Amino acid sequence: MGIEKTGAIVLNTRDWKETSKIVTFYTSSRGKITAVAKGARRKTSPFRGCLEVFTHLSLVYYDRRDRDIQIVSQCSEEESFQDIREDLVKTCYAAYFVQLVDEMVGKDEPGEELFRLLLAVLYRLRDNGDFDIVARFLELHLLRVLGYSPLLKSCVVCQKSAASSRGELEFSASSGGVICRGCAAGVSDSMNISGGVYSALVHLQKVDIGKLSRLKLSRAISEELKTAMHYYLGYLLGKRLKSQEFLEEVIKDSVQCSVVSGR
């Protein structure tokens, strides 16, 4: 049993026995791990305050390679993202981000690049901006890192250039990308996407997060893009995430409140 030190982000926690917690972390060195934090629920525990979901911390744990659950030795908070926690909408986005990573990533899958991606979008969320664009950025780059990136350059059936299709494109999760209108009849699960959504997908696949603020989407394009991405992710996951459903409810209520107040 070796001692490992790594950067980590808390993905989820659950109570274990009377005083402890079982915590799932995404780490920079080993990807997703699950560990027990013994006594974490005690008032005097050194772990209190640093095991909240989506907290960025420095983690020391006993690495038992032959076990599914490791043992937390020490942890110290690097960033609590308190600014996110004080805003309900931001909190819901962050909860969706970490649950998406938790659900999409298996044990011992790639670590450092995905860790940096998740950390970057949490900081971006903290510092404001278009939250939906940040969410789509995470979704597309998570898919890229995991090898599930939708193919956008050409029709996945006939290989005809997508750019020459004049916006007449379908998007198919089962086929793994875009399909020209001529091939769509042979694909049962495809959905139509506009030229604006196609351009946004292409841009988001290659843009650096530091330049994300330059991308401006209309509400209609943003909604259509979200529908397309949730359709694609839903196919891969085989379900809708609870955090996704709750986020949509909170956004809906927030919009209604803004209309009522005249903002």
Protein backbone atom coordinates (compact mmCIF):
# COMPACT_ATOMS: atom_id res chain seq x y z
CA MET A 1 0.00 0.00 0.00
CA GLY A 2 1.71 3.17 -1.25
CA ILE A 3 1.05 6.80 -0.36
CA GLU A 4 0.06 9.01 -3.28
CA LYS A 5 -0.33 12.80 -3.49
CA THR A 6 -2.35 14.38 -6.27
CA GLY A 7 -4.60 17.23 -7.26
CA ALA A 8 -8.26 16.20 -7.08
CA ILE A 9 -11.81 17.43 -7.65
CA VAL A 10 -14.66 15.99 -5.59
CA LEU A 11 -17.27 14.37 -7.87
CA ASN A 12 -19.63 12.98 -5.25
CA THR A 13 -19.85 11.91 -1.62
CA ARG A 14 -22.05 9.65 0.45
CA ASP A 15 -22.22 8.88 4.14
CA TRP A 16 -20.63 5.62 5.29
CA LYS A 17 -21.21 4.03 8.65
CA GLU A 18 -21.72 6.46 11.54
CA THR A 19 -18.92 8.97 11.08
CA SER A 20 -17.26 8.46 7.71
CA LYS A 21 -17.76 9.32 4.04
CA ILE A 22 -17.07 7.54 0.79
CA VAL A 23 -15.86 10.09 -1.76
CA THR A 24 -15.34 9.85 -5.51
CA PHE A 25 -12.53 12.08 -6.76
CA TYR A 26 -11.25 12.94 -10.20
CA THR A 27 -7.49 13.13 -9.83
CA SER A 28 -4.77 14.54 -12.05
CA SER A 29 -2.53 11.48 -11.65
CA ARG A 30 -4.87 8.51 -11.79
CA GLY A 31 -8.24 9.65 -13.06
CA LYS A 32 -11.32 8.65 -11.11
CA ILE A 33 -10.85 7.00 -7.74
CA THR A 34 -13.11 6.24 -4.80
CA ALA A 35 -11.82 6.51 -1.25
CA VAL A 36 -13.12 6.36 2.29
CA ALA A 37 -12.52 9.37 4.52
CA LYS A 38 -12.68 7.87 7.98
CA GLY A 39 -14.28 10.10 10.61
CA ALA A 40 -15.03 12.83 8.05
CA ARG A 41 -18.44 13.54 9.60
CA ARG A 42 -17.05 14.23 13.05
CA LYS A 43 -17.00 17.90 14.09
CA THR A 44 -13.29 17.68 14.86
CA SER A 45 -12.35 15.90 11.62
CA PRO A 46 -9.48 17.49 9.63
CA PHE A 47 -11.47 16.56 6.50
CA ARG A 48 -14.45 18.78 7.34
CA GLY A 49 -15.02 21.56 4.83
CA CYS A 50 -12.82 20.18 2.06
CA LEU A 51 -14.89 17.24 0.82
CA GLU A 52 -17.80 19.19 -0.65
CA VAL A 53 -18.79 18.35 -4.22
CA PHE A 54 -16.71 20.14 -6.94
CA THR A 55 -14.10 21.34 -4.43
CA HIS A 56 -10.56 21.42 -5.82
CA LEU A 57 -8.09 20.05 -3.30
CA SER A 58 -4.69 18.52 -2.71
CA LEU A 59 -5.26 14.90 -1.80
CA VAL A 60 -3.03 12.37 -0.05
CA TYR A 61 -4.33 8.81 -0.02
CA TYR A 62 -3.24 5.25 0.58
CA ASP A 63 -3.26 3.59 -2.82
CA ARG A 64 -4.41 -0.01 -2.55
CA ARG A 65 -4.16 -1.14 -6.17
CA ASP A 66 -5.86 -4.42 -5.41
CA ARG A 67 -8.92 -2.67 -3.92
CA ASP A 68 -11.73 -0.62 -5.44
CA ILE A 69 -11.80 1.79 -2.47
CA GLN A 70 -8.73 3.66 -1.29
CA ILE A 71 -8.18 5.45 2.04
CA VAL A 72 -7.91 9.23 2.40
CA SER A 73 -4.90 10.22 4.49
CA GLN A 74 -4.92 14.02 4.18
CA CYS A 75 -6.57 16.72 2.12
CA SER A 76 -6.26 20.48 1.90
CA GLU A 77 -8.52 22.84 0.01
CA GLU A 78 -7.10 24.60 -3.05
CA GLU A 79 -10.37 26.21 -4.20
CA SER A 80 -13.81 25.78 -2.67
CA PHE A 81 -15.57 27.69 -5.48
CA GLN A 82 -17.57 29.53 -2.86
CA ASP A 83 -18.68 32.09 -5.48
CA ILE A 84 -20.36 29.22 -7.35
CA ARG A 85 -22.01 27.87 -4.20
CA GLU A 86 -23.58 31.25 -3.45
CA ASP A 87 -25.41 31.24 -6.79
CA LEU A 88 -28.11 28.58 -7.34
CA VAL A 89 -27.83 28.52 -11.13
CA LYS A 90 -24.02 28.26 -11.05
CA THR A 91 -24.26 25.53 -8.41
CA CYS A 92 -26.58 23.52 -10.66
CA TYR A 93 -24.22 23.87 -13.63
CA ALA A 94 -21.26 22.76 -11.51
CA ALA A 95 -23.24 19.79 -10.19
CA TYR A 96 -24.05 18.82 -13.79
CA PHE A 97 -20.38 19.13 -14.79
CA VAL A 98 -19.11 16.81 -12.08
CA GLN A 99 -21.92 14.28 -12.49
CA LEU A 100 -21.33 14.16 -16.25
CA VAL A 101 -17.65 13.39 -15.69
CA ASP A 102 -18.51 10.84 -13.00
CA GLU A 103 -20.99 9.04 -15.27
CA MET A 104 -18.93 9.17 -18.46
CA VAL A 105 -15.54 8.19 -17.07
CA GLY A 106 -14.66 4.71 -15.85
CA LYS A 107 -12.01 3.65 -13.37
CA ASP A 108 -8.37 4.22 -14.40
CA GLU A 109 -9.23 6.17 -17.55
CA PRO A 110 -7.09 9.17 -18.66
CA GLY A 111 -6.31 11.55 -15.82
CA GLU A 112 -4.43 14.79 -16.30
CA GLU A 113 -6.02 16.26 -19.45
CA LEU A 114 -9.56 15.64 -18.23
CA PHE A 115 -8.67 16.93 -14.76
CA ARG A 116 -7.41 20.18 -16.29
CA LEU A 117 -10.53 20.42 -18.47
CA LEU A 118 -12.93 20.02 -15.55
CA LEU A 119 -10.97 22.45 -13.41
CA ALA A 120 -10.86 25.01 -16.23
CA VAL A 121 -14.64 24.98 -16.76
CA LEU A 122 -15.27 25.33 -13.02
CA TYR A 123 -13.04 28.41 -12.93
CA ARG A 124 -14.77 29.72 -16.04
CA LEU A 125 -18.15 29.19 -14.38
CA ARG A 126 -16.95 30.98 -11.27
CA ASP A 127 -15.82 33.99 -13.30
CA ASN A 128 -19.14 34.30 -15.19
CA GLY A 129 -19.76 34.26 -18.92
CA ASP A 130 -22.28 32.28 -20.94
CA PHE A 131 -22.87 29.21 -18.79
CA ASP A 132 -24.51 27.24 -21.61
CA ILE A 133 -21.51 27.75 -23.88
CA VAL A 134 -19.22 26.60 -21.06
CA ALA A 135 -21.40 23.49 -20.67
CA ARG A 136 -21.25 22.69 -24.40
CA PHE A 137 -17.48 23.24 -24.34
CA LEU A 138 -17.11 20.71 -21.53
CA GLU A 139 -19.40 18.19 -23.22
CA LEU A 140 -17.56 18.30 -26.54
CA HIS A 141 -14.06 18.23 -25.06
CA LEU A 142 -14.98 15.48 -22.61
CA LEU A 143 -16.15 13.43 -25.60
CA ARG A 144 -12.89 14.23 -27.39
CA VAL A 145 -10.71 13.12 -24.49
CA LEU A 146 -12.69 9.89 -24.10
CA GLY A 147 -12.66 9.09 -27.83
CA TYR A 148 -16.39 9.68 -28.49
CA SER A 149 -16.11 12.95 -30.35
CA PRO A 150 -18.82 13.37 -33.01
CA LEU A 151 -17.44 13.41 -36.55
CA LEU A 152 -18.24 16.75 -38.16
CA LYS A 153 -15.93 17.17 -41.14
CA SER A 154 -17.87 14.92 -43.51
CA CYS A 155 -20.95 12.72 -43.70
CA VAL A 156 -20.23 9.57 -41.73
CA VAL A 157 -22.05 7.47 -44.35
CA CYS A 158 -20.87 8.71 -47.76
CA GLN A 159 -17.90 10.85 -46.65
CA LYS A 160 -19.20 13.87 -48.58
CA SER A 161 -17.83 17.11 -47.15
CA ALA A 162 -20.21 18.55 -44.59
CA ALA A 163 -19.20 22.06 -45.60
CA SER A 164 -20.68 21.47 -49.07
CA SER A 165 -24.07 20.38 -47.71
CA ARG A 166 -25.32 23.98 -47.41
CA GLY A 167 -26.71 23.50 -43.94
CA GLU A 168 -28.80 20.49 -44.91
CA LEU A 169 -27.36 18.18 -42.29
CA GLU A 170 -28.62 15.59 -39.84
CA PHE A 171 -26.94 14.61 -36.59
CA SER A 172 -26.90 10.94 -35.58
CA ALA A 173 -25.75 9.59 -32.23
CA SER A 174 -25.74 5.97 -33.35
CA SER A 175 -23.63 6.84 -36.41
CA GLY A 176 -21.35 9.11 -34.41
CA GLY A 177 -21.64 12.39 -36.25
CA VAL A 178 -23.24 14.37 -39.07
CA ILE A 179 -25.06 12.89 -42.04
CA CYS A 180 -25.94 14.60 -45.28
CA ARG A 181 -29.60 14.84 -46.19
CA GLY A 182 -29.17 12.28 -48.96
CA CYS A 183 -28.00 9.58 -46.53
CA ALA A 184 -30.38 10.45 -43.70
CA ALA A 185 -33.19 8.24 -44.96
CA GLY A 186 -31.15 5.17 -44.04
CA VAL A 187 -30.53 6.31 -40.45
CA SER A 188 -33.45 6.01 -38.06
CA ASP A 189 -32.25 8.17 -35.16
CA SER A 190 -30.95 11.29 -36.88
CA MET A 191 -32.10 14.82 -36.06
CA ASN A 192 -31.90 17.90 -38.23
CA ILE A 193 -29.41 20.58 -37.24
CA SER A 194 -29.19 24.09 -38.64
CA GLY A 195 -26.11 25.60 -40.22
CA GLY A 196 -25.66 27.77 -37.14
CA VAL A 197 -25.56 24.76 -34.81
CA TYR A 198 -23.16 22.94 -37.13
CA SER A 199 -20.82 25.95 -37.13
CA ALA A 200 -21.02 26.18 -33.33
CA LEU A 201 -20.16 22.47 -32.95
CA VAL A 202 -17.14 22.82 -35.24
CA HIS A 203 -15.94 25.94 -33.44
CA LEU A 204 -16.38 24.52 -29.94
CA GLN A 205 -14.51 21.34 -30.85
CA LYS A 206 -11.33 23.28 -31.60
CA VAL A 207 -11.51 26.53 -29.59
CA ASP A 208 -9.32 27.14 -26.56
CA ILE A 209 -11.24 27.91 -23.37
CA GLY A 210 -9.41 31.22 -23.07
CA LYS A 211 -11.14 32.40 -26.25
CA LEU A 212 -14.57 31.06 -25.35
CA SER A 213 -15.94 34.50 -24.48
CA ARG A 214 -15.63 35.52 -28.14
CA LEU A 215 -18.33 33.05 -29.17
CA LYS A 216 -21.79 34.63 -29.13
CA LEU A 217 -24.85 32.52 -29.90
CA SER A 218 -28.46 33.56 -30.25
CA ARG A 219 -30.90 32.03 -27.77
CA ALA A 220 -32.43 29.91 -30.55
CA ILE A 221 -29.07 28.49 -31.65
CA SER A 222 -28.01 27.93 -28.03
CA GLU A 223 -31.18 25.97 -27.30
CA GLU A 224 -30.89 23.91 -30.48
CA LEU A 225 -27.24 23.17 -29.70
CA LYS A 226 -28.14 22.04 -26.18
CA THR A 227 -30.84 19.75 -27.56
CA ALA A 228 -28.37 18.19 -30.01
CA MET A 229 -25.70 17.62 -27.37
CA HIS A 230 -28.10 16.19 -24.79
CA TYR A 231 -29.47 13.85 -27.44
CA TYR A 232 -25.93 12.67 -28.24
CA LEU A 233 -24.92 12.28 -24.59
CA GLY A 234 -28.19 10.59 -23.73
CA TYR A 235 -27.49 7.96 -26.37
CA LEU A 236 -24.02 7.29 -24.96
CA LEU A 237 -25.17 7.26 -21.32
CA GLY A 238 -28.46 5.46 -21.93
CA LYS A 239 -30.25 7.94 -19.65
CA ARG A 240 -30.74 11.55 -18.63
CA LEU A 241 -28.78 12.76 -15.63
CA LYS A 242 -30.69 13.95 -12.57
CA SER A 243 -28.44 17.01 -12.33
CA GLN A 244 -29.31 17.87 -15.94
CA GLU A 245 -33.04 17.68 -15.26
CA PHE A 246 -32.72 19.77 -12.09
CA LEU A 247 -30.59 22.37 -13.91
CA GLU A 248 -33.26 22.76 -16.59
CA GLU A 249 -35.94 23.25 -13.93
CA VAL A 250 -33.88 25.89 -12.13
CA ILE A 251 -33.17 27.74 -15.40
CA LYS A 252 -36.86 27.64 -16.29
CA ASP A 253 -37.83 29.06 -12.89
CA SER A 254 -35.11 31.70 -13.15
CA VAL A 255 -36.38 32.85 -16.55
CA GLN A 256 -39.96 33.00 -15.28
CA CYS A 257 -38.90 35.06 -12.26
CA SER A 258 -37.03 37.48 -14.53
CA VAL A 259 -40.11 37.91 -16.73
CA VAL A 260 -42.36 38.54 -13.72
CA SER A 261 -39.95 41.08 -12.24
CA GLY A 262 -39.55 42.82 -15.59
CA ARG A 263 -35.81 42.24 -15.87
